């Protein structure tokens, strides 16, 4: 009888020890996992701040908003930033202005962030950024009746080339020429530029390696995305499908290609009767027209800086 009681006590002690060890093991891993999560949140939040100001506030709530949108874009809608936008067969005009763009030399740069979206390497010089701003200002000065240089509608702290809106137009009003505030292009500190192009021209820019689409612009092709914003929220979608990040020009030859892209964007936004050119939220590709041109090759020459910004 004593032996039986002793065996039972030993069994209970062994079970208690096993339970305690299991609890300690789980607690240890919970603490490590919790610490890892907090560390990731801390590091990623400061990476978000390091990208710079954008269309969302530089706060923790702004970071949370961006992470939700980033997850939806990349893992639900599987955004392909190097894919070409959908072009409706009934789109008018069907063709854009960019044909046979030369291929961009070197690999694509690394792009970081969502809102804001910026180029992490292959930057242009400060003189290049100034030259880009001067180019946009010159386009506005050459067409004062239709173009204006003012604060960006999409990234308000930046200056942007915009189409003059009709009197009384409300920027952001859904389904109107002012839905995107007349935005054509705005430049960033590292000399990359966001441009809204004709879908066919956006496809040409992406194919030739001069830029890539914004992940949220890829989402704009999906009915569910558009329906959520248009029907449920009564608001515009975050970005149109033909919203493209053009990589920073690095020399005079690339600056010349960049000017062609800007001219195509100006043409798109000043089409008669079109108002703001960024209309369809559905967005593919037209077949390539003509042979593909070879790469740009020219000596590295920094674009001249303007007298003023």
Protein backbone atom coordinates (compact mmCIF):
# COMPACT_ATOMS: atom_id res chain seq x y z
CA UNK A 1 0.00 0.00 0.00
CA UNK A 2 2.83 2.36 0.90
CA UNK A 3 4.58 1.54 -2.33
CA UNK A 4 1.41 2.35 -4.30
CA UNK A 5 1.04 5.72 -2.57
CA UNK A 6 4.70 6.48 -3.17
CA UNK A 7 4.36 5.65 -6.89
CA UNK A 8 1.27 7.82 -7.17
CA UNK A 9 3.02 10.75 -5.52
CA UNK A 10 6.01 10.35 -7.84
CA UNK A 11 3.69 10.34 -10.86
CA UNK A 12 1.93 13.48 -9.68
CA UNK A 13 5.26 15.19 -9.12
CA UNK A 14 6.45 14.20 -12.60
CA UNK A 15 3.25 15.50 -14.21
CA UNK A 16 3.49 18.76 -12.25
CA UNK A 17 7.09 19.18 -13.33
CA UNK A 18 6.18 18.54 -16.96
CA UNK A 19 3.33 21.05 -16.79
CA UNK A 20 5.55 23.68 -15.19
CA UNK A 21 8.29 23.16 -17.76
CA UNK A 22 5.72 23.42 -20.57
CA UNK A 23 4.33 26.65 -19.13
CA UNK A 24 7.83 28.10 -18.76
CA UNK A 25 8.66 27.07 -22.34
CA UNK A 26 5.49 28.69 -23.68
CA UNK A 27 6.00 31.84 -21.61
CA UNK A 28 9.56 32.14 -22.83
CA UNK A 29 8.48 31.86 -26.44
CA UNK A 30 5.56 34.23 -25.90
CA UNK A 31 7.91 36.81 -24.43
CA UNK A 32 10.39 36.36 -27.27
CA UNK A 33 7.63 36.55 -29.88
CA UNK A 34 6.11 39.63 -28.26
CA UNK A 35 9.51 41.30 -28.08
CA UNK A 36 10.17 40.44 -31.75
CA UNK A 37 6.82 41.91 -32.77
CA UNK A 38 7.45 45.13 -30.86
CA UNK A 39 10.94 45.33 -32.31
CA UNK A 40 9.61 44.88 -35.86
CA UNK A 41 6.91 47.52 -35.30
CA UNK A 42 9.50 49.94 -33.88
CA UNK A 43 11.97 49.40 -36.73
CA UNK A 44 9.35 49.50 -39.47
CA UNK A 45 7.74 52.63 -38.06
CA UNK A 46 11.07 54.45 -38.17
CA UNK A 47 11.72 53.12 -41.68
CA UNK A 48 8.36 54.66 -42.60
CA UNK A 49 9.41 57.98 -41.10
CA UNK A 50 12.80 57.81 -42.84
CA UNK A 51 11.17 57.70 -46.28
CA UNK A 52 9.92 61.24 -45.70
CA UNK A 53 6.64 63.11 -45.80
CA UNK A 54 3.86 61.85 -48.02
CA UNK A 55 0.11 61.75 -48.41
CA UNK A 56 -0.40 60.20 -44.96
CA UNK A 57 0.58 61.74 -41.60
CA UNK A 58 4.00 60.89 -40.16
CA UNK A 59 2.40 59.33 -37.09
CA UNK A 60 1.77 55.84 -35.76
CA UNK A 61 -1.81 55.95 -37.05
CA UNK A 62 -0.47 56.96 -40.47
CA UNK A 63 1.92 54.00 -40.37
CA UNK A 64 -0.95 51.65 -39.45
CA UNK A 65 -3.02 52.95 -42.36
CA UNK A 66 -0.13 52.41 -44.77
CA UNK A 67 0.56 48.87 -43.50
CA UNK A 68 -3.09 47.89 -44.02
CA UNK A 69 -3.09 49.30 -47.56
CA UNK A 70 0.26 47.67 -48.29
CA UNK A 71 -1.02 44.26 -47.13
CA UNK A 72 -4.17 44.58 -49.22
CA UNK A 73 -2.27 45.69 -52.33
CA UNK A 74 0.51 43.11 -52.18
CA UNK A 75 -1.18 40.04 -50.68
CA UNK A 76 -4.85 40.32 -51.62
CA UNK A 77 -4.75 42.07 -55.00
CA UNK A 78 -1.21 40.82 -55.77
CA UNK A 79 -0.13 44.17 -57.20
CA UNK A 80 2.37 43.77 -60.05
CA UNK A 81 4.18 47.10 -60.25
CA UNK A 82 6.14 45.99 -63.32
CA UNK A 83 3.00 44.89 -65.15
CA UNK A 84 1.26 47.18 -67.62
CA UNK A 85 -2.12 48.83 -66.93
CA UNK A 86 -5.26 47.53 -68.55
CA UNK A 87 -6.37 49.56 -71.54
CA UNK A 88 -10.07 49.37 -72.34
CA UNK A 89 -10.56 48.61 -76.07
CA UNK A 90 -13.12 51.44 -76.17
CA UNK A 91 -10.77 53.98 -74.58
CA UNK A 92 -10.56 57.23 -76.53
CA UNK A 93 -7.99 58.08 -77.70
CA UNK A 94 -6.74 54.51 -77.71
CA UNK A 95 -3.10 55.31 -78.39
CA UNK A 96 -0.81 57.55 -76.44
CA UNK A 97 2.18 59.63 -77.47
CA UNK A 98 5.16 57.51 -76.46
CA UNK A 99 6.42 55.11 -79.11
CA UNK A 100 9.70 53.20 -79.18
CA UNK A 101 11.10 54.60 -75.96
CA UNK A 102 14.76 53.54 -75.69
CA UNK A 103 15.45 51.02 -72.99
CA UNK A 104 16.83 52.40 -69.78
CA UNK A 105 20.39 51.33 -69.00
CA UNK A 106 21.04 49.34 -65.80
CA UNK A 107 18.68 47.47 -63.53
CA UNK A 108 15.64 49.07 -62.00
CA UNK A 109 16.37 50.97 -58.78
CA UNK A 110 15.07 49.82 -55.41
CA UNK A 111 11.74 51.43 -54.54
CA UNK A 112 10.66 51.70 -50.91
CA UNK A 113 7.48 52.75 -49.15
CA UNK A 114 3.88 52.91 -50.25
CA UNK A 115 2.69 56.30 -49.05
CA UNK A 116 5.08 57.90 -49.64
CA UNK A 117 6.77 55.90 -52.39
CA UNK A 118 10.41 56.78 -53.00
CA UNK A 119 13.53 55.62 -54.85
CA UNK A 120 16.19 54.20 -52.51
CA UNK A 121 19.21 54.14 -54.84
CA UNK A 122 20.37 55.45 -58.25
CA UNK A 123 19.41 58.94 -57.09
CA UNK A 124 19.71 62.01 -59.22
CA UNK A 125 21.86 64.88 -57.99
CA UNK A 126 20.38 67.99 -56.30
CA UNK A 127 21.04 69.77 -59.59
CA UNK A 128 18.92 67.16 -61.36
CA UNK A 129 16.04 67.71 -58.93
CA UNK A 130 16.30 71.46 -59.56
CA UNK A 131 16.37 70.86 -63.32
CA UNK A 132 13.21 68.72 -63.08
CA UNK A 133 11.37 71.44 -61.16
CA UNK A 134 12.57 74.00 -63.72
CA UNK A 135 11.30 71.79 -66.55
CA UNK A 136 7.85 71.51 -64.97
CA UNK A 137 7.78 75.27 -64.37
CA UNK A 138 8.74 75.88 -67.99
CA UNK A 139 5.89 73.67 -69.23
CA UNK A 140 3.47 75.69 -67.10
CA UNK A 141 4.91 78.99 -68.35
CA UNK A 142 4.64 77.86 -71.98
CA UNK A 143 0.94 76.98 -71.54
CA UNK A 144 -0.42 79.43 -68.94
CA UNK A 145 -4.01 79.05 -70.15
CA UNK A 146 -4.12 75.32 -69.42
CA UNK A 147 -1.29 74.53 -66.99
CA UNK A 148 -0.20 75.81 -63.59
CA UNK A 149 2.60 75.04 -61.14
CA UNK A 150 1.36 74.88 -57.56
CA UNK A 151 1.13 72.63 -54.51
CA UNK A 152 0.51 68.98 -55.30
CA UNK A 153 -3.00 67.66 -54.67
CA UNK A 154 -1.70 64.17 -53.88
CA UNK A 155 1.38 65.19 -51.85
CA UNK A 156 0.60 68.69 -50.67
CA UNK A 157 4.07 69.63 -49.43
CA UNK A 158 5.52 69.19 -52.96
CA UNK A 159 5.15 71.39 -56.02
CA UNK A 160 3.36 69.88 -58.98
CA UNK A 161 2.54 70.57 -62.59
CA UNK A 162 -1.25 70.63 -62.82
CA UNK A 163 -4.00 71.28 -65.32
CA UNK A 164 -5.99 74.43 -64.65
CA UNK A 165 -9.40 73.37 -63.42
CA UNK A 166 -12.65 74.98 -64.51
CA UNK A 167 -13.99 77.76 -62.31
CA UNK A 168 -15.86 76.35 -59.33
CA UNK A 169 -14.35 72.87 -59.67
CA UNK A 170 -13.92 71.04 -56.37
CA UNK A 171 -10.63 69.10 -56.21
CA UNK A 172 -11.31 65.47 -55.38
CA UNK A 173 -14.96 65.50 -56.47
CA UNK A 174 -15.78 62.00 -57.67
CA UNK A 175 -16.44 61.60 -61.39
CA UNK A 176 -15.46 65.17 -62.30
CA UNK A 177 -12.46 66.61 -64.16
CA UNK A 178 -11.15 67.67 -60.73
CA UNK A 179 -11.13 64.14 -59.27
CA UNK A 180 -7.32 64.13 -59.08
CA UNK A 181 -7.01 67.87 -58.62
CA UNK A 182 -5.68 68.28 -62.15
CA UNK A 183 -2.41 66.63 -61.06
CA UNK A 184 0.00 65.83 -63.90
CA UNK A 185 3.41 65.35 -62.24
CA UNK A 186 5.28 66.09 -59.03
CA UNK A 187 8.96 65.54 -58.20
CA UNK A 188 10.58 64.13 -55.05
CA UNK A 189 13.82 65.02 -53.27
CA UNK A 190 15.71 62.07 -54.83
CA UNK A 191 14.60 63.19 -58.34
CA UNK A 192 12.03 60.46 -58.95
CA UNK A 193 8.74 61.78 -60.29
CA UNK A 194 5.13 60.64 -60.03
CA UNK A 195 3.28 61.11 -63.32
CA UNK A 196 -0.27 60.36 -64.46
CA UNK A 197 -0.13 59.19 -68.08
CA UNK A 198 -2.37 57.81 -70.78
CA UNK A 199 -2.63 54.05 -70.00
CA UNK A 200 -0.78 53.16 -73.21
CA UNK A 201 2.02 55.58 -72.36
CA UNK A 202 2.19 54.25 -68.81
CA UNK A 203 2.63 50.77 -70.29
CA UNK A 204 5.41 52.03 -72.57
CA UNK A 205 7.27 53.63 -69.65
CA UNK A 206 7.06 50.44 -67.57
CA UNK A 207 8.05 48.14 -70.44
CA UNK A 208 11.11 50.22 -71.34
CA UNK A 209 12.29 50.24 -67.73
CA UNK A 210 11.86 53.97 -67.06
CA UNK A 211 9.42 53.54 -64.23
CA UNK A 212 6.92 51.35 -62.44
CA UNK A 213 3.35 51.55 -61.29
CA UNK A 214 2.31 52.34 -57.75
CA UNK A 215 0.91 49.28 -55.91
CA UNK A 216 -2.35 51.14 -55.19
CA UNK A 217 -2.63 52.03 -58.89
CA UNK A 218 -2.59 48.29 -59.62
CA UNK A 219 -5.50 47.80 -57.19
CA UNK A 220 -7.54 50.34 -59.18
CA UNK A 221 -8.08 47.72 -61.90
CA UNK A 222 -10.26 45.62 -59.59
CA UNK A 223 -14.01 46.15 -59.35
CA UNK A 224 -14.05 45.34 -55.62
CA UNK A 225 -11.49 48.08 -54.89
CA UNK A 226 -13.35 50.68 -56.95
CA UNK A 227 -16.72 49.66 -55.56
CA UNK A 228 -15.51 50.02 -51.96
CA UNK A 229 -14.39 53.61 -52.52
CA UNK A 230 -17.01 54.76 -55.03
CA UNK A 231 -20.14 53.03 -53.73
CA UNK A 232 -19.50 52.44 -50.03
CA UNK A 233 -17.39 55.46 -49.14
CA UNK A 234 -18.54 57.84 -51.88
CA UNK A 235 -14.95 58.87 -52.47
CA UNK A 236 -12.30 58.61 -55.13
CA UNK A 237 -9.90 55.67 -55.10
CA UNK A 238 -6.47 56.52 -53.63
CA UNK A 239 -4.70 56.56 -57.01
CA UNK A 240 -5.66 56.11 -60.67
CA UNK A 241 -4.47 53.03 -62.52
CA UNK A 242 -2.16 55.04 -64.77
CA UNK A 243 -0.19 56.57 -61.89
CA UNK A 244 3.51 55.84 -62.51
CA UNK A 245 6.75 56.45 -60.62
CA UNK A 246 9.36 57.56 -63.17
CA UNK A 247 12.89 56.83 -62.01
CA UNK A 248 15.33 59.68 -61.40
CA UNK A 249 17.16 60.86 -64.55
CA UNK A 250 20.91 60.42 -64.13
CA UNK A 251 22.33 62.23 -67.16
CA UNK A 252 21.38 64.47 -70.06
CA UNK A 253 20.12 61.60 -72.24
CA UNK A 254 17.82 60.34 -69.51
CA UNK A 255 16.61 63.88 -68.87
CA UNK A 256 15.63 64.09 -72.56
CA UNK A 257 13.58 60.89 -72.21
CA UNK A 258 12.01 62.26 -69.05
CA UNK A 259 10.93 65.40 -70.93
CA UNK A 260 9.25 63.20 -73.55
CA UNK A 261 7.33 61.51 -70.74
CA UNK A 262 6.26 64.86 -69.27
CA UNK A 263 5.14 66.08 -72.71
CA UNK A 264 3.03 62.93 -73.10
CA UNK A 265 1.44 63.55 -69.70
CA UNK A 266 0.66 67.17 -70.62
CA UNK A 267 -0.93 66.01 -73.88
CA UNK A 268 -3.07 63.49 -71.98
CA UNK A 269 -4.34 66.00 -69.44
CA UNK A 270 -5.15 68.70 -71.99
CA UNK A 271 -7.16 66.59 -74.42
CA UNK A 272 -10.23 68.54 -75.62
CA UNK A 273 -13.25 67.74 -73.50
CA UNK A 274 -11.35 65.31 -71.29
CA UNK A 275 -10.79 67.56 -68.33
CA UNK A 276 -8.56 65.60 -66.05
CA UNK A 277 -6.83 62.88 -68.02
CA UNK A 278 -6.79 60.27 -65.29
CA UNK A 279 -10.20 58.93 -65.99
CA UNK A 280 -10.47 55.17 -66.23
CA UNK A 281 -9.95 53.30 -63.04
CA UNK A 282 -9.67 50.11 -65.02
CA UNK A 283 -6.63 49.86 -66.56
CA UNK A 284 -3.65 46.75 -70.36
CA UNK A 285 -1.55 46.81 -72.66
CA UNK A 286 -1.74 47.68 -76.28
CA UNK A 287 0.50 45.65 -78.61
CA UNK A 288 3.95 47.19 -79.08
CA UNK A 289 4.08 49.50 -82.06
CA UNK A 290 7.20 49.13 -84.21
CA UNK A 291 10.53 47.62 -83.18
CA UNK A 292 11.88 48.08 -79.70
CA UNK A 293 14.61 50.64 -79.59
CA UNK A 294 18.04 49.92 -78.19
CA UNK A 295 19.38 51.30 -74.94
CA UNK A 296 20.26 54.88 -74.33
CA UNK A 297 23.99 55.47 -74.37
CA UNK A 298 25.53 58.79 -73.66
CA UNK A 299 28.16 60.25 -71.40
CA UNK A 300 26.99 61.04 -67.91
CA UNK A 301 26.18 64.73 -67.93
CA UNK A 302 24.33 66.37 -65.08
CA UNK A 303 21.41 68.45 -66.28
CA UNK A 304 22.04 72.16 -65.74
CA UNK A 305 20.50 73.66 -62.64
CA UNK A 306 17.97 76.45 -63.12
CA UNK A 307 18.40 79.96 -61.75
CA UNK A 308 15.55 79.46 -59.30
CA UNK A 309 13.19 76.75 -58.19
